[in-house]
């Protein structure tokens, strides 16, 4: 098993859509960032990469590269999942906490959980999501995501040649 932790934060800015967990929320501001600013998918991506000791999201998708300007954060997540699978692991579960003053996440929580589960290829009950307000922290103009992931080693398919030899020996 492997555990990974991810963190991300972005400032709210007017004139852009708000995306959290791959869902566009109805709000008058979005999260600034070189890509779509999806603070939750960015934190999940970094947690996955960290669990396998891979380079972080900024190293793989540098903000200085115009190729990633406005990119859908699901692209980053898919690359992290590919690396996780290539390392021989799969996602067991994800637990996430969002910290933001507004909008309220509760009404959208099930849609966000469903989308994250779909992107990760896990059951919805393997995705935990909590939202907190930044009371007294002077963070009213930002959204923060904290994520922990648990990876399990994938069962390896039996080598066909070894299996055939084992069957011959038994005869």
N, C-alpha and C. Protein backbone atom coordinates (compact mmCIF):
# COMPACT_ATOMS: atom_id res chain seq x y z
N UNK A 1 0.84 -1.19 0.00
CA UNK A 1 0.00 0.00 0.00
C UNK A 1 0.88 1.24 0.00
N UNK A 2 0.33 2.28 -0.54
CA UNK A 2 1.00 3.59 -0.55
C UNK A 2 -0.02 4.65 -0.17
N UNK A 3 0.44 5.68 0.52
CA UNK A 3 -0.41 6.81 0.89
C UNK A 3 0.19 8.06 0.26
N UNK A 4 -0.66 8.92 -0.28
CA UNK A 4 -0.20 10.18 -0.85
C UNK A 4 -1.03 11.33 -0.31
N UNK A 5 -0.39 12.48 -0.17
CA UNK A 5 -1.05 13.69 0.30
C UNK A 5 -0.91 14.78 -0.75
N UNK A 6 -1.99 15.48 -1.01
CA UNK A 6 -1.95 16.58 -1.96
C UNK A 6 -2.59 17.84 -1.39
N UNK A 7 -2.07 18.96 -1.80
CA UNK A 7 -2.55 20.27 -1.36
C UNK A 7 -2.56 21.19 -2.57
N UNK A 8 -3.58 22.03 -2.64
CA UNK A 8 -3.58 23.07 -3.68
C UNK A 8 -4.42 24.24 -3.19
N UNK A 9 -4.14 25.40 -3.73
CA UNK A 9 -4.93 26.59 -3.40
C UNK A 9 -4.94 27.52 -4.60
N UNK A 10 -6.05 28.21 -4.76
CA UNK A 10 -6.19 29.20 -5.82
C UNK A 10 -7.04 30.35 -5.31
N UNK A 11 -6.79 31.51 -5.86
CA UNK A 11 -7.53 32.72 -5.52
C UNK A 11 -8.75 32.84 -6.44
N UNK A 12 -9.86 33.32 -5.86
CA UNK A 12 -11.05 33.59 -6.67
C UNK A 12 -10.80 34.81 -7.55
N UNK A 13 -11.31 34.72 -8.80
CA UNK A 13 -11.22 35.83 -9.74
C UNK A 13 -12.52 35.93 -10.53
N UNK A 14 -12.97 37.14 -10.79
CA UNK A 14 -14.20 37.29 -11.59
C UNK A 14 -13.96 36.95 -13.06
N UNK A 15 -15.05 36.61 -13.73
CA UNK A 15 -15.01 36.43 -15.17
C UNK A 15 -14.58 35.06 -15.66
N UNK A 16 -14.38 34.11 -14.75
CA UNK A 16 -14.05 32.75 -15.17
C UNK A 16 -14.96 31.76 -14.47
N UNK A 17 -15.24 30.62 -15.09
CA UNK A 17 -16.12 29.63 -14.46
C UNK A 17 -15.44 28.97 -13.25
N UNK A 18 -16.24 28.58 -12.29
CA UNK A 18 -15.73 27.88 -11.10
C UNK A 18 -15.86 26.38 -11.32
N UNK A 19 -14.71 25.70 -11.35
CA UNK A 19 -14.70 24.25 -11.48
C UNK A 19 -14.10 23.66 -10.22
N UNK A 20 -14.83 22.71 -9.62
CA UNK A 20 -14.33 21.97 -8.47
C UNK A 20 -14.70 20.51 -8.66
N UNK A 21 -13.68 19.66 -8.65
CA UNK A 21 -13.92 18.24 -8.80
C UNK A 21 -14.45 17.85 -10.16
N UNK A 22 -14.13 18.64 -11.17
CA UNK A 22 -14.58 18.35 -12.52
C UNK A 22 -16.00 18.81 -12.81
N UNK A 23 -16.61 19.51 -11.87
CA UNK A 23 -17.98 20.01 -12.01
C UNK A 23 -17.93 21.54 -12.08
N UNK A 24 -18.66 22.13 -13.00
CA UNK A 24 -18.76 23.59 -13.06
C UNK A 24 -19.90 24.02 -12.14
N UNK A 25 -19.56 24.86 -11.17
CA UNK A 25 -20.53 25.33 -10.18
C UNK A 25 -21.05 26.70 -10.57
N UNK A 26 -22.29 26.96 -10.22
CA UNK A 26 -22.91 28.25 -10.48
C UNK A 26 -22.42 29.25 -9.42
N UNK A 27 -21.50 30.11 -9.81
CA UNK A 27 -20.95 31.10 -8.89
C UNK A 27 -20.40 32.25 -9.73
N UNK A 28 -20.34 33.45 -9.16
CA UNK A 28 -19.95 34.62 -9.93
C UNK A 28 -18.44 34.78 -10.12
N UNK A 29 -17.65 33.88 -9.55
CA UNK A 29 -16.20 33.92 -9.71
C UNK A 29 -15.67 32.50 -9.88
N UNK A 30 -14.50 32.40 -10.48
CA UNK A 30 -13.84 31.12 -10.60
C UNK A 30 -12.49 31.17 -9.92
N UNK A 31 -11.76 30.08 -10.03
CA UNK A 31 -10.45 30.02 -9.40
C UNK A 31 -9.37 30.27 -10.44
N UNK A 32 -8.55 31.27 -10.16
CA UNK A 32 -7.47 31.61 -11.08
C UNK A 32 -6.40 30.54 -11.06
N UNK A 33 -5.84 30.31 -12.19
CA UNK A 33 -4.77 29.33 -12.33
C UNK A 33 -4.41 29.26 -13.79
N UNK A 34 -3.30 28.64 -14.09
CA UNK A 34 -2.89 28.54 -15.49
C UNK A 34 -3.84 27.62 -16.25
N UNK A 35 -4.31 26.56 -15.59
CA UNK A 35 -5.28 25.66 -16.21
C UNK A 35 -6.67 26.17 -15.84
N UNK A 36 -7.61 25.24 -15.60
CA UNK A 36 -8.96 25.66 -15.21
C UNK A 36 -9.07 25.97 -13.72
N UNK A 37 -7.97 25.81 -12.96
CA UNK A 37 -7.94 26.18 -11.55
C UNK A 37 -8.69 25.24 -10.63
N UNK A 38 -8.97 24.01 -11.07
CA UNK A 38 -9.74 23.07 -10.26
C UNK A 38 -8.91 22.60 -9.07
N UNK A 39 -9.10 23.25 -7.94
CA UNK A 39 -8.30 23.03 -6.75
C UNK A 39 -8.39 21.59 -6.24
N UNK A 40 -9.55 20.97 -6.38
CA UNK A 40 -9.72 19.60 -5.90
C UNK A 40 -8.98 18.61 -6.81
N UNK A 41 -9.16 18.71 -8.11
CA UNK A 41 -8.46 17.78 -9.01
C UNK A 41 -6.95 17.98 -8.95
N UNK A 42 -6.51 19.21 -8.73
CA UNK A 42 -5.06 19.45 -8.61
C UNK A 42 -4.51 18.76 -7.36
N UNK A 43 -5.22 18.87 -6.24
CA UNK A 43 -4.77 18.24 -5.00
C UNK A 43 -4.79 16.72 -5.12
N UNK A 44 -5.82 16.17 -5.77
CA UNK A 44 -5.88 14.71 -5.98
C UNK A 44 -4.71 14.27 -6.86
N UNK A 45 -4.45 15.01 -7.92
CA UNK A 45 -3.34 14.69 -8.82
C UNK A 45 -2.02 14.65 -8.06
N UNK A 46 -1.77 15.66 -7.24
CA UNK A 46 -0.53 15.68 -6.47
C UNK A 46 -0.48 14.56 -5.44
N UNK A 47 -1.60 14.21 -4.85
CA UNK A 47 -1.62 13.10 -3.89
C UNK A 47 -1.27 11.78 -4.59
N UNK A 48 -1.84 11.56 -5.77
CA UNK A 48 -1.54 10.34 -6.53
C UNK A 48 -0.05 10.29 -6.90
N UNK A 49 0.45 11.41 -7.41
CA UNK A 49 1.86 11.46 -7.80
C UNK A 49 2.78 11.28 -6.60
N UNK A 50 2.43 11.89 -5.49
CA UNK A 50 3.24 11.77 -4.29
C UNK A 50 3.28 10.34 -3.75
N UNK A 51 2.18 9.63 -3.87
CA UNK A 51 2.11 8.26 -3.36
C UNK A 51 3.08 7.33 -4.08
N UNK A 52 3.42 7.65 -5.33
CA UNK A 52 4.36 6.81 -6.07
C UNK A 52 5.72 7.50 -6.26
N UNK A 53 5.93 8.58 -5.52
CA UNK A 53 7.19 9.34 -5.56
C UNK A 53 7.51 9.84 -6.96
N UNK A 54 6.49 10.28 -7.68
CA UNK A 54 6.65 10.85 -9.02
C UNK A 54 6.79 12.37 -8.91
N UNK A 55 7.21 13.02 -9.97
CA UNK A 55 7.26 14.50 -9.95
C UNK A 55 5.86 15.08 -9.71
N UNK A 56 5.79 16.28 -9.15
CA UNK A 56 4.49 16.88 -8.83
C UNK A 56 3.86 17.49 -10.07
N UNK A 57 2.63 17.97 -9.88
CA UNK A 57 1.84 18.51 -10.99
C UNK A 57 2.54 19.68 -11.69
N UNK A 58 3.21 20.53 -10.92
CA UNK A 58 3.90 21.68 -11.51
C UNK A 58 5.09 21.28 -12.36
N UNK A 59 5.75 20.19 -12.00
CA UNK A 59 6.88 19.71 -12.79
C UNK A 59 6.40 19.05 -14.08
N UNK A 60 5.30 18.31 -14.01
CA UNK A 60 4.78 17.61 -15.19
C UNK A 60 4.03 18.53 -16.14
N UNK A 61 3.35 19.53 -15.57
CA UNK A 61 2.52 20.45 -16.36
C UNK A 61 2.87 21.88 -15.96
N UNK A 62 4.04 22.35 -16.33
CA UNK A 62 4.50 23.66 -15.83
C UNK A 62 3.59 24.82 -16.25
N UNK A 63 3.29 25.70 -15.32
CA UNK A 63 2.47 26.87 -15.64
C UNK A 63 3.11 27.76 -16.69
N UNK A 64 4.40 27.65 -16.86
CA UNK A 64 5.09 28.46 -17.87
C UNK A 64 4.85 27.95 -19.29
N UNK A 65 4.31 26.74 -19.43
CA UNK A 65 4.05 26.16 -20.75
C UNK A 65 2.67 26.58 -21.23
N UNK A 66 2.60 27.35 -22.32
CA UNK A 66 1.30 27.82 -22.82
C UNK A 66 0.35 26.68 -23.21
N UNK A 67 0.90 25.50 -23.42
CA UNK A 67 0.08 24.33 -23.77
C UNK A 67 -0.99 24.05 -22.71
N UNK A 68 -0.71 24.38 -21.45
CA UNK A 68 -1.62 24.06 -20.35
C UNK A 68 -2.54 25.21 -19.98
N UNK A 69 -2.45 26.34 -20.69
CA UNK A 69 -3.32 27.50 -20.41
C UNK A 69 -4.78 27.10 -20.61
N UNK A 70 -5.57 27.18 -19.56
CA UNK A 70 -6.99 26.86 -19.61
C UNK A 70 -7.30 25.38 -19.71
N UNK A 71 -6.30 24.51 -19.54
CA UNK A 71 -6.50 23.06 -19.70
C UNK A 71 -7.47 22.50 -18.67
N UNK A 72 -8.21 21.50 -19.08
CA UNK A 72 -9.10 20.76 -18.19
C UNK A 72 -8.22 19.95 -17.23
N UNK A 73 -8.41 20.12 -15.95
CA UNK A 73 -7.59 19.43 -14.95
C UNK A 73 -7.75 17.92 -14.97
N UNK A 74 -8.80 17.43 -15.60
CA UNK A 74 -8.96 15.98 -15.75
C UNK A 74 -7.80 15.39 -16.56
N UNK A 75 -7.20 16.18 -17.45
CA UNK A 75 -6.03 15.73 -18.21
C UNK A 75 -4.89 15.41 -17.26
N UNK A 76 -4.67 16.27 -16.28
CA UNK A 76 -3.60 16.06 -15.30
C UNK A 76 -3.87 14.82 -14.47
N UNK A 77 -5.12 14.67 -14.06
CA UNK A 77 -5.52 13.52 -13.24
C UNK A 77 -5.32 12.21 -14.02
N UNK A 78 -5.71 12.20 -15.29
CA UNK A 78 -5.53 10.99 -16.11
C UNK A 78 -4.06 10.60 -16.22
N UNK A 79 -3.18 11.58 -16.38
CA UNK A 79 -1.75 11.29 -16.45
C UNK A 79 -1.25 10.72 -15.13
N UNK A 80 -1.69 11.29 -14.02
CA UNK A 80 -1.29 10.76 -12.71
C UNK A 80 -1.78 9.33 -12.53
N UNK A 81 -3.02 9.05 -12.94
CA UNK A 81 -3.55 7.68 -12.84
C UNK A 81 -2.76 6.71 -13.71
N UNK A 82 -2.37 7.15 -14.89
CA UNK A 82 -1.56 6.29 -15.76
C UNK A 82 -0.25 5.94 -15.06
N UNK A 83 0.37 6.90 -14.44
CA UNK A 83 1.63 6.66 -13.74
C UNK A 83 1.42 5.74 -12.54
N UNK A 84 0.30 5.91 -11.84
CA UNK A 84 -0.03 5.04 -10.71
C UNK A 84 -0.16 3.60 -11.20
N UNK A 85 -0.91 3.40 -12.27
CA UNK A 85 -1.10 2.05 -12.82
C UNK A 85 0.21 1.47 -13.34
N UNK A 86 1.01 2.29 -14.01
CA UNK A 86 2.31 1.83 -14.51
C UNK A 86 3.22 1.40 -13.36
N UNK A 87 3.05 2.00 -12.20
CA UNK A 87 3.83 1.64 -11.01
C UNK A 87 3.26 0.39 -10.33
N UNK A 88 2.12 -0.11 -10.83
CA UNK A 88 1.55 -1.33 -10.28
C UNK A 88 0.54 -1.13 -9.17
N UNK A 89 -0.05 0.06 -9.11
CA UNK A 89 -1.01 0.36 -8.04
C UNK A 89 -2.36 0.77 -8.62
N UNK A 90 -3.36 0.72 -7.77
CA UNK A 90 -4.69 1.23 -8.10
C UNK A 90 -5.21 2.01 -6.91
N UNK A 91 -6.18 2.87 -7.14
CA UNK A 91 -6.74 3.71 -6.09
C UNK A 91 -7.69 2.88 -5.23
N UNK A 92 -7.46 2.89 -3.92
CA UNK A 92 -8.38 2.23 -2.98
C UNK A 92 -9.42 3.23 -2.50
N UNK A 93 -8.96 4.40 -2.06
CA UNK A 93 -9.89 5.45 -1.67
C UNK A 93 -9.21 6.80 -1.63
N UNK A 94 -10.05 7.83 -1.60
CA UNK A 94 -9.62 9.23 -1.57
C UNK A 94 -10.42 9.93 -0.49
N UNK A 95 -9.76 10.77 0.29
CA UNK A 95 -10.47 11.59 1.27
C UNK A 95 -10.03 13.03 1.05
N UNK A 96 -10.99 13.92 0.85
CA UNK A 96 -10.68 15.31 0.51
C UNK A 96 -11.40 16.28 1.44
N UNK A 97 -10.73 17.37 1.74
CA UNK A 97 -11.33 18.49 2.46
C UNK A 97 -11.12 19.75 1.64
N UNK A 98 -12.20 20.46 1.41
CA UNK A 98 -12.15 21.76 0.74
C UNK A 98 -12.35 22.84 1.78
N UNK A 99 -11.58 23.90 1.68
CA UNK A 99 -11.73 25.03 2.58
C UNK A 99 -12.03 26.25 1.72
N UNK A 100 -13.24 26.80 1.87
CA UNK A 100 -13.64 27.99 1.13
C UNK A 100 -14.85 28.62 1.80
N UNK A 101 -14.91 29.92 1.74
CA UNK A 101 -16.02 30.65 2.36
C UNK A 101 -17.31 30.49 1.56
N UNK A 102 -17.20 30.50 0.25
CA UNK A 102 -18.36 30.36 -0.64
C UNK A 102 -17.85 29.88 -1.98
N UNK A 103 -18.68 29.24 -2.75
CA UNK A 103 -20.07 28.89 -2.50
C UNK A 103 -20.17 27.67 -1.57
N UNK A 104 -21.35 27.40 -1.10
CA UNK A 104 -21.59 26.23 -0.27
C UNK A 104 -21.44 24.99 -1.14
N UNK A 105 -20.67 24.04 -0.68
CA UNK A 105 -20.39 22.84 -1.45
C UNK A 105 -21.47 21.77 -1.22
N UNK A 106 -22.11 21.79 -0.07
CA UNK A 106 -23.10 20.78 0.29
C UNK A 106 -24.09 20.43 -0.82
N UNK A 107 -24.72 21.42 -1.45
CA UNK A 107 -25.69 21.10 -2.50
C UNK A 107 -25.09 20.39 -3.72
N UNK A 108 -23.80 20.55 -3.92
CA UNK A 108 -23.13 19.93 -5.08
C UNK A 108 -22.24 18.75 -4.70
N UNK A 109 -22.17 18.44 -3.42
CA UNK A 109 -21.22 17.42 -2.95
C UNK A 109 -21.40 16.07 -3.62
N UNK A 110 -22.64 15.62 -3.78
CA UNK A 110 -22.84 14.30 -4.38
C UNK A 110 -22.43 14.30 -5.85
N UNK A 111 -22.68 15.37 -6.57
CA UNK A 111 -22.26 15.45 -7.97
C UNK A 111 -20.74 15.48 -8.09
N UNK A 112 -20.09 16.20 -7.18
CA UNK A 112 -18.63 16.26 -7.18
C UNK A 112 -18.05 14.89 -6.86
N UNK A 113 -18.58 14.24 -5.82
CA UNK A 113 -18.10 12.89 -5.46
C UNK A 113 -18.28 11.93 -6.63
N UNK A 114 -19.43 11.99 -7.29
CA UNK A 114 -19.70 11.09 -8.42
C UNK A 114 -18.71 11.33 -9.55
N UNK A 115 -18.44 12.58 -9.85
CA UNK A 115 -17.50 12.90 -10.94
C UNK A 115 -16.08 12.47 -10.59
N UNK A 116 -15.66 12.72 -9.36
CA UNK A 116 -14.32 12.31 -8.94
C UNK A 116 -14.21 10.78 -9.00
N UNK A 117 -15.23 10.08 -8.51
CA UNK A 117 -15.23 8.62 -8.56
C UNK A 117 -15.13 8.13 -10.00
N UNK A 118 -15.88 8.76 -10.88
CA UNK A 118 -15.85 8.39 -12.29
C UNK A 118 -14.45 8.60 -12.87
N UNK A 119 -13.84 9.75 -12.61
CA UNK A 119 -12.51 10.04 -13.13
C UNK A 119 -11.46 9.06 -12.59
N UNK A 120 -11.62 8.64 -11.33
CA UNK A 120 -10.66 7.74 -10.71
C UNK A 120 -10.94 6.27 -11.00
N UNK A 121 -12.15 5.98 -11.48
CA UNK A 121 -12.52 4.60 -11.74
C UNK A 121 -12.77 3.80 -10.48
N UNK A 122 -13.34 4.47 -9.46
CA UNK A 122 -13.67 3.81 -8.19
C UNK A 122 -15.14 4.03 -7.88
N UNK A 123 -15.65 3.29 -6.91
CA UNK A 123 -17.02 3.47 -6.46
C UNK A 123 -17.15 4.80 -5.70
N UNK A 124 -18.33 5.38 -5.74
CA UNK A 124 -18.55 6.66 -5.05
C UNK A 124 -18.27 6.57 -3.56
N UNK A 125 -18.51 5.40 -2.95
CA UNK A 125 -18.26 5.30 -1.52
C UNK A 125 -16.77 5.18 -1.19
N UNK A 126 -15.93 5.28 -2.21
CA UNK A 126 -14.48 5.33 -2.01
C UNK A 126 -13.95 6.75 -2.10
N UNK A 127 -14.86 7.72 -2.22
CA UNK A 127 -14.48 9.14 -2.31
C UNK A 127 -15.14 9.89 -1.17
N UNK A 128 -14.32 10.37 -0.24
CA UNK A 128 -14.81 11.20 0.86
C UNK A 128 -14.63 12.66 0.50
N UNK A 129 -15.62 13.46 0.82
CA UNK A 129 -15.54 14.89 0.53
C UNK A 129 -16.17 15.68 1.66
N UNK A 130 -15.39 16.62 2.19
CA UNK A 130 -15.88 17.50 3.24
C UNK A 130 -15.57 18.93 2.83
N UNK A 131 -16.42 19.85 3.24
CA UNK A 131 -16.17 21.27 2.98
C UNK A 131 -16.22 22.02 4.29
N UNK A 132 -15.27 22.89 4.47
CA UNK A 132 -15.16 23.69 5.69
C UNK A 132 -15.03 25.16 5.30
N UNK A 133 -15.44 26.02 6.21
CA UNK A 133 -15.24 27.45 6.00
C UNK A 133 -13.95 27.87 6.69
N UNK A 134 -13.30 28.91 6.19
CA UNK A 134 -12.00 29.33 6.74
C UNK A 134 -12.15 30.32 7.90
N UNK A 135 -13.02 30.01 8.82
CA UNK A 135 -13.34 30.94 9.92
C UNK A 135 -12.09 31.49 10.60
N UNK A 136 -11.95 32.79 10.58
CA UNK A 136 -10.86 33.47 11.27
C UNK A 136 -9.50 33.35 10.60
N UNK A 137 -9.43 32.78 9.42
CA UNK A 137 -8.14 32.59 8.76
C UNK A 137 -7.85 33.62 7.68
N UNK A 138 -8.79 34.53 7.44
CA UNK A 138 -8.62 35.57 6.42
C UNK A 138 -8.35 34.97 5.03
N UNK A 139 -9.11 33.94 4.70
CA UNK A 139 -8.96 33.27 3.41
C UNK A 139 -10.24 33.32 2.60
N UNK A 140 -11.02 34.37 2.77
CA UNK A 140 -12.32 34.46 2.12
C UNK A 140 -12.24 34.53 0.60
N UNK A 141 -11.09 34.89 0.06
CA UNK A 141 -10.96 35.03 -1.39
C UNK A 141 -10.16 33.88 -2.02
N UNK A 142 -10.11 32.74 -1.32
CA UNK A 142 -9.34 31.62 -1.83
C UNK A 142 -10.08 30.31 -1.58
N UNK A 143 -9.70 29.30 -2.33
CA UNK A 143 -10.17 27.93 -2.10
C UNK A 143 -8.94 27.06 -1.92
N UNK A 144 -9.03 26.16 -0.96
CA UNK A 144 -7.92 25.28 -0.63
C UNK A 144 -8.41 23.85 -0.65
N UNK A 145 -7.60 22.96 -1.17
CA UNK A 145 -7.93 21.54 -1.17
C UNK A 145 -6.84 20.73 -0.50
N UNK A 146 -7.24 19.86 0.41
CA UNK A 146 -6.34 18.90 1.05
C UNK A 146 -6.87 17.51 0.69
N UNK A 147 -5.98 16.62 0.26
CA UNK A 147 -6.41 15.29 -0.18
C UNK A 147 -5.42 14.24 0.30
N UNK A 148 -5.98 13.11 0.73
CA UNK A 148 -5.19 11.93 1.04
C UNK A 148 -5.71 10.80 0.16
N UNK A 149 -4.79 10.04 -0.44
CA UNK A 149 -5.18 8.88 -1.23
C UNK A 149 -4.50 7.64 -0.68
N UNK A 150 -5.19 6.52 -0.81
CA UNK A 150 -4.62 5.24 -0.46
C UNK A 150 -4.56 4.41 -1.74
N UNK A 151 -3.38 3.91 -2.05
CA UNK A 151 -3.19 3.06 -3.22
C UNK A 151 -2.93 1.63 -2.75
N UNK A 152 -3.45 0.68 -3.50
CA UNK A 152 -3.20 -0.72 -3.24
C UNK A 152 -2.40 -1.30 -4.40
N UNK A 153 -1.56 -2.27 -4.09
CA UNK A 153 -0.81 -2.96 -5.13
C UNK A 153 -1.81 -3.77 -5.96
N UNK A 154 -1.69 -3.68 -7.28
CA UNK A 154 -2.59 -4.44 -8.15
C UNK A 154 -2.15 -5.89 -8.20
N UNK A 155 -3.12 -6.78 -8.30
CA UNK A 155 -2.80 -8.19 -8.49
C UNK A 155 -2.23 -8.34 -9.88
N UNK A 156 -1.13 -9.03 -9.99
CA UNK A 156 -0.49 -9.22 -11.30
C UNK A 156 -1.05 -10.48 -11.95
N UNK A 157 -1.36 -10.36 -13.24
CA UNK A 157 -1.83 -11.56 -13.93
C UNK A 157 -0.72 -12.60 -13.99
N UNK A 158 -1.08 -13.85 -13.89
CA UNK A 158 -0.10 -14.93 -13.93
C UNK A 158 0.59 -14.96 -15.28
N UNK A 159 1.87 -15.23 -15.26
CA UNK A 159 2.64 -15.37 -16.49
C UNK A 159 2.21 -16.67 -17.15
N UNK A 160 1.76 -16.62 -18.38
CA UNK A 160 1.22 -17.81 -19.07
C UNK A 160 2.26 -18.92 -19.21
N UNK A 161 3.51 -18.58 -19.51
CA UNK A 161 4.55 -19.60 -19.67
C UNK A 161 4.81 -20.30 -18.33
N UNK A 162 4.89 -19.52 -17.26
CA UNK A 162 5.11 -20.12 -15.94
C UNK A 162 3.94 -21.01 -15.56
N UNK A 163 2.72 -20.58 -15.85
CA UNK A 163 1.53 -21.37 -15.53
C UNK A 163 1.53 -22.68 -16.31
N UNK A 164 1.91 -22.64 -17.59
CA UNK A 164 1.95 -23.85 -18.42
C UNK A 164 3.00 -24.82 -17.89
N UNK A 165 4.17 -24.32 -17.49
CA UNK A 165 5.22 -25.18 -16.92
C UNK A 165 4.75 -25.81 -15.62
N UNK A 166 4.07 -25.04 -14.79
CA UNK A 166 3.57 -25.58 -13.52
C UNK A 166 2.56 -26.68 -13.76
N UNK A 167 1.70 -26.54 -14.76
CA UNK A 167 0.73 -27.57 -15.09
C UNK A 167 1.42 -28.84 -15.59
N UNK A 168 2.48 -28.70 -16.41
CA UNK A 168 3.21 -29.85 -16.93
C UNK A 168 3.86 -30.62 -15.78
N UNK A 169 4.41 -29.91 -14.81
CA UNK A 169 5.08 -30.55 -13.67
C UNK A 169 4.10 -31.36 -12.85
N UNK A 170 2.87 -30.89 -12.76
CA UNK A 170 1.86 -31.58 -11.96
C UNK A 170 1.41 -32.89 -12.62
N UNK A 171 1.56 -33.00 -13.95
CA UNK A 171 1.11 -34.20 -14.68
C UNK A 171 2.01 -35.33 -14.45
